[in-house]
Amino acid sequence: MAISPINFGTPPAVPTGAPAASTVPNREVATAVQTLNQNGGAGAGREFSIAIDGKTKVPVVRIVDSVTNELIEQIPSQYALDLAEKINQETGSNP
């Protein structure tokens, strides 16, 4: 099965005085996560959390227990993040 890139087309013009382009997607993602959590999208007693890994700069999706804050699932896994960081260090790549 081939996976083709997603083409979002030309981004809309940003009006004068609008927030920086990098903050708009972040705000949209935060709003989407909040909506999912309010509607029980992760399941009963669970919440979504989305963040950028500080070392690899990769988006990380977590599902946590909303009471204990215990990690239930993480994508990509911590192992994958650690591996990506190690590869970046060995190749001298900066994300």
N, C-alpha and C. Protein backbone atom coordinates (compact mmCIF):
# COMPACT_ATOMS: atom_id res chain seq x y z
N MET A 1 0.84 -1.17 0.00
CA MET A 1 0.00 0.00 0.00
C MET A 1 0.89 1.23 0.00
N ALA A 2 0.69 2.11 -0.96
CA ALA A 2 1.48 3.33 -1.05
C ALA A 2 0.81 4.44 -0.26
N ILE A 3 1.62 5.23 0.38
CA ILE A 3 1.12 6.37 1.13
C ILE A 3 1.61 7.62 0.41
N SER A 4 0.67 8.42 -0.06
CA SER A 4 1.05 9.62 -0.79
C SER A 4 0.96 10.83 0.13
N PRO A 5 1.74 11.87 -0.17
CA PRO A 5 1.71 13.07 0.67
C PRO A 5 0.38 13.78 0.57
N ILE A 6 0.04 14.48 1.61
CA ILE A 6 -1.20 15.26 1.64
C ILE A 6 -0.90 16.64 1.09
N ASN A 7 -1.72 17.09 0.17
CA ASN A 7 -1.56 18.42 -0.40
C ASN A 7 -2.67 19.31 0.14
N PHE A 8 -2.29 20.26 0.98
CA PHE A 8 -3.27 21.15 1.57
C PHE A 8 -3.53 22.38 0.70
N GLY A 9 -2.84 22.47 -0.44
CA GLY A 9 -3.03 23.62 -1.32
C GLY A 9 -2.28 24.83 -0.79
N THR A 10 -2.60 25.97 -1.34
CA THR A 10 -1.96 27.21 -0.95
C THR A 10 -2.52 27.68 0.38
N PRO A 11 -1.63 28.00 1.35
CA PRO A 11 -2.14 28.46 2.63
C PRO A 11 -2.81 29.82 2.48
N PRO A 12 -3.84 30.10 3.28
CA PRO A 12 -4.53 31.37 3.17
C PRO A 12 -3.63 32.51 3.61
N ALA A 13 -3.91 33.69 3.08
CA ALA A 13 -3.14 34.88 3.46
C ALA A 13 -3.42 35.20 4.92
N VAL A 14 -2.39 35.63 5.63
CA VAL A 14 -2.55 35.99 7.03
C VAL A 14 -2.80 37.49 7.11
N PRO A 15 -3.93 37.89 7.70
CA PRO A 15 -4.24 39.31 7.78
C PRO A 15 -3.23 40.05 8.64
N THR A 16 -3.05 41.33 8.35
CA THR A 16 -2.16 42.17 9.14
C THR A 16 -2.61 42.17 10.59
N GLY A 17 -1.64 42.03 11.51
CA GLY A 17 -1.98 42.02 12.93
C GLY A 17 -2.36 40.64 13.44
N ALA A 18 -2.39 39.64 12.55
CA ALA A 18 -2.72 38.28 12.96
C ALA A 18 -1.52 37.66 13.66
N PRO A 19 -1.74 36.63 14.50
CA PRO A 19 -0.62 35.98 15.17
C PRO A 19 0.32 35.34 14.17
N ALA A 20 1.55 35.10 14.59
CA ALA A 20 2.54 34.47 13.73
C ALA A 20 2.01 33.14 13.22
N ALA A 21 2.44 32.77 12.02
CA ALA A 21 1.93 31.55 11.38
C ALA A 21 2.13 30.31 12.23
N SER A 22 3.23 30.25 12.97
CA SER A 22 3.50 29.04 13.76
C SER A 22 2.56 28.91 14.95
N THR A 23 1.97 30.01 15.41
CA THR A 23 1.07 29.92 16.56
C THR A 23 -0.34 29.54 16.15
N VAL A 24 -0.73 29.84 14.92
CA VAL A 24 -2.10 29.53 14.49
C VAL A 24 -2.36 28.03 14.48
N PRO A 25 -1.50 27.20 13.85
CA PRO A 25 -1.74 25.75 13.92
C PRO A 25 -1.73 25.23 15.35
N ASN A 26 -0.83 25.76 16.19
CA ASN A 26 -0.78 25.32 17.58
C ASN A 26 -2.10 25.59 18.28
N ARG A 27 -2.67 26.75 18.06
CA ARG A 27 -3.94 27.10 18.67
C ARG A 27 -5.05 26.20 18.15
N GLU A 28 -5.02 25.90 16.84
CA GLU A 28 -6.03 25.02 16.26
C GLU A 28 -5.93 23.61 16.82
N VAL A 29 -4.71 23.12 16.99
CA VAL A 29 -4.51 21.79 17.56
C VAL A 29 -4.99 21.77 19.00
N ALA A 30 -4.65 22.80 19.77
CA ALA A 30 -5.08 22.87 21.18
C ALA A 30 -6.60 22.89 21.28
N THR A 31 -7.24 23.63 20.39
CA THR A 31 -8.71 23.69 20.39
C THR A 31 -9.30 22.33 20.02
N ALA A 32 -8.70 21.65 19.04
CA ALA A 32 -9.19 20.32 18.64
C ALA A 32 -9.05 19.33 19.78
N VAL A 33 -7.91 19.34 20.48
CA VAL A 33 -7.69 18.43 21.60
C VAL A 33 -8.69 18.73 22.72
N GLN A 34 -8.91 20.00 23.00
CA GLN A 34 -9.88 20.38 24.04
C GLN A 34 -11.27 19.88 23.68
N THR A 35 -11.66 20.02 22.41
CA THR A 35 -12.97 19.54 21.96
C THR A 35 -13.07 18.02 22.09
N LEU A 36 -12.02 17.32 21.67
CA LEU A 36 -12.02 15.86 21.80
C LEU A 36 -12.17 15.44 23.26
N ASN A 37 -11.43 16.10 24.15
CA ASN A 37 -11.49 15.75 25.57
C ASN A 37 -12.86 16.06 26.17
N GLN A 38 -13.45 17.18 25.77
CA GLN A 38 -14.78 17.54 26.29
C GLN A 38 -15.85 16.54 25.84
N ASN A 39 -15.65 15.94 24.67
CA ASN A 39 -16.62 15.00 24.13
C ASN A 39 -16.26 13.54 24.39
N GLY A 40 -15.24 13.31 25.23
CA GLY A 40 -14.87 11.93 25.58
C GLY A 40 -14.22 11.17 24.45
N GLY A 41 -13.53 11.85 23.56
CA GLY A 41 -12.93 11.22 22.39
C GLY A 41 -11.90 10.15 22.70
N ALA A 42 -11.24 10.24 23.85
CA ALA A 42 -10.23 9.26 24.20
C ALA A 42 -10.82 8.10 25.00
N GLY A 43 -12.08 8.20 25.35
CA GLY A 43 -12.72 7.17 26.15
C GLY A 43 -13.00 7.67 27.55
N ALA A 44 -13.81 6.94 28.27
CA ALA A 44 -14.19 7.33 29.62
C ALA A 44 -12.98 7.40 30.54
N GLY A 45 -12.84 8.51 31.24
CA GLY A 45 -11.75 8.66 32.19
C GLY A 45 -10.38 8.85 31.56
N ARG A 46 -10.35 9.19 30.27
CA ARG A 46 -9.09 9.38 29.55
C ARG A 46 -9.07 10.72 28.84
N GLU A 47 -7.88 11.24 28.62
CA GLU A 47 -7.72 12.50 27.91
C GLU A 47 -6.58 12.41 26.91
N PHE A 48 -6.74 13.16 25.81
CA PHE A 48 -5.67 13.32 24.84
C PHE A 48 -4.74 14.43 25.28
N SER A 49 -3.49 14.30 24.92
CA SER A 49 -2.50 15.34 25.13
C SER A 49 -1.59 15.33 23.91
N ILE A 50 -1.36 16.48 23.32
CA ILE A 50 -0.47 16.57 22.16
C ILE A 50 0.60 17.61 22.47
N ALA A 51 1.86 17.23 22.24
CA ALA A 51 2.97 18.13 22.50
C ALA A 51 4.09 17.85 21.50
N ILE A 52 5.05 18.74 21.45
CA ILE A 52 6.23 18.55 20.62
C ILE A 52 7.36 18.08 21.51
N ASP A 53 7.98 16.94 21.14
CA ASP A 53 9.12 16.43 21.90
C ASP A 53 10.25 17.44 21.82
N GLY A 54 10.81 17.81 22.96
CA GLY A 54 11.83 18.84 23.02
C GLY A 54 13.13 18.49 22.31
N LYS A 55 13.49 17.23 22.27
CA LYS A 55 14.76 16.83 21.68
C LYS A 55 14.65 16.55 20.18
N THR A 56 13.58 15.88 19.77
CA THR A 56 13.46 15.48 18.36
C THR A 56 12.56 16.42 17.55
N LYS A 57 11.80 17.25 18.25
CA LYS A 57 10.84 18.17 17.61
C LYS A 57 9.72 17.43 16.89
N VAL A 58 9.44 16.20 17.31
CA VAL A 58 8.40 15.37 16.72
C VAL A 58 7.11 15.54 17.54
N PRO A 59 5.95 15.70 16.87
CA PRO A 59 4.69 15.75 17.62
C PRO A 59 4.43 14.41 18.32
N VAL A 60 3.99 14.49 19.57
CA VAL A 60 3.72 13.30 20.38
C VAL A 60 2.28 13.36 20.86
N VAL A 61 1.55 12.29 20.61
CA VAL A 61 0.16 12.17 21.07
C VAL A 61 0.15 11.21 22.25
N ARG A 62 -0.44 11.64 23.35
CA ARG A 62 -0.53 10.78 24.53
C ARG A 62 -1.99 10.67 24.95
N ILE A 63 -2.32 9.50 25.47
CA ILE A 63 -3.61 9.29 26.12
C ILE A 63 -3.29 8.99 27.57
N VAL A 64 -3.86 9.79 28.46
CA VAL A 64 -3.57 9.64 29.89
C VAL A 64 -4.87 9.44 30.66
N ASP A 65 -4.75 8.79 31.82
CA ASP A 65 -5.86 8.65 32.74
C ASP A 65 -6.14 10.04 33.31
N SER A 66 -7.38 10.49 33.19
CA SER A 66 -7.70 11.86 33.60
C SER A 66 -7.69 12.06 35.11
N VAL A 67 -7.73 10.99 35.89
CA VAL A 67 -7.70 11.11 37.35
C VAL A 67 -6.28 10.99 37.87
N THR A 68 -5.56 9.95 37.45
CA THR A 68 -4.22 9.69 37.98
C THR A 68 -3.11 10.31 37.13
N ASN A 69 -3.46 10.77 35.93
CA ASN A 69 -2.50 11.32 34.97
C ASN A 69 -1.49 10.27 34.51
N GLU A 70 -1.82 8.99 34.70
CA GLU A 70 -0.97 7.88 34.27
C GLU A 70 -1.02 7.75 32.75
N LEU A 71 0.16 7.56 32.14
CA LEU A 71 0.25 7.40 30.70
C LEU A 71 -0.35 6.05 30.30
N ILE A 72 -1.30 6.07 29.37
CA ILE A 72 -1.93 4.85 28.87
C ILE A 72 -1.32 4.46 27.53
N GLU A 73 -1.16 5.42 26.64
CA GLU A 73 -0.61 5.17 25.30
C GLU A 73 0.11 6.41 24.82
N GLN A 74 1.18 6.20 24.05
CA GLN A 74 1.92 7.32 23.47
C GLN A 74 2.32 6.96 22.06
N ILE A 75 2.12 7.90 21.14
CA ILE A 75 2.50 7.70 19.74
C ILE A 75 3.27 8.94 19.29
N PRO A 76 4.50 8.81 18.79
CA PRO A 76 5.32 7.61 18.75
C PRO A 76 5.77 7.21 20.16
N SER A 77 6.18 5.98 20.29
CA SER A 77 6.60 5.46 21.60
C SER A 77 7.86 6.18 22.07
N GLN A 78 8.13 6.10 23.36
CA GLN A 78 9.35 6.70 23.90
C GLN A 78 10.58 6.05 23.28
N TYR A 79 10.49 4.76 23.00
CA TYR A 79 11.60 4.05 22.35
C TYR A 79 11.90 4.68 20.99
N ALA A 80 10.85 4.95 20.20
CA ALA A 80 11.03 5.55 18.88
C ALA A 80 11.63 6.95 18.99
N LEU A 81 11.20 7.72 19.99
CA LEU A 81 11.76 9.06 20.19
C LEU A 81 13.23 8.99 20.58
N ASP A 82 13.56 8.06 21.48
CA ASP A 82 14.95 7.89 21.91
C ASP A 82 15.82 7.46 20.73
N LEU A 83 15.30 6.57 19.89
CA LEU A 83 16.04 6.09 18.72
C LEU A 83 16.27 7.25 17.75
N ALA A 84 15.25 8.05 17.50
CA ALA A 84 15.38 9.20 16.61
C ALA A 84 16.42 10.18 17.14
N GLU A 85 16.41 10.41 18.46
CA GLU A 85 17.40 11.30 19.06
C GLU A 85 18.81 10.76 18.88
N LYS A 86 18.99 9.47 19.08
CA LYS A 86 20.30 8.85 18.93
C LYS A 86 20.79 8.95 17.49
N ILE A 87 19.90 8.70 16.56
CA ILE A 87 20.27 8.81 15.14
C ILE A 87 20.66 10.25 14.81
N ASN A 88 19.89 11.22 15.32
CA ASN A 88 20.22 12.63 15.08
C ASN A 88 21.60 12.97 15.64
N GLN A 89 21.91 12.45 16.82
CA GLN A 89 23.21 12.72 17.44
C GLN A 89 24.34 12.11 16.63
N GLU A 90 24.13 10.88 16.17
CA GLU A 90 25.20 10.17 15.45
C GLU A 90 25.43 10.74 14.05
N THR A 91 24.38 11.27 13.44
CA THR A 91 24.53 11.82 12.08
C THR A 91 24.77 13.31 12.10
N GLY A 92 24.65 13.91 13.28
CA GLY A 92 24.85 15.35 13.38
C GLY A 92 23.68 16.14 12.84
N SER A 93 22.54 15.47 12.66
CA SER A 93 21.34 16.14 12.17
C SER A 93 20.67 16.91 13.28
N ASN A 94 20.12 18.04 12.94
CA ASN A 94 19.31 18.80 13.90
C ASN A 94 17.91 18.86 13.35
N PRO A 95 16.92 18.43 14.13
CA PRO A 95 15.54 18.46 13.64
C PRO A 95 15.07 19.86 13.39
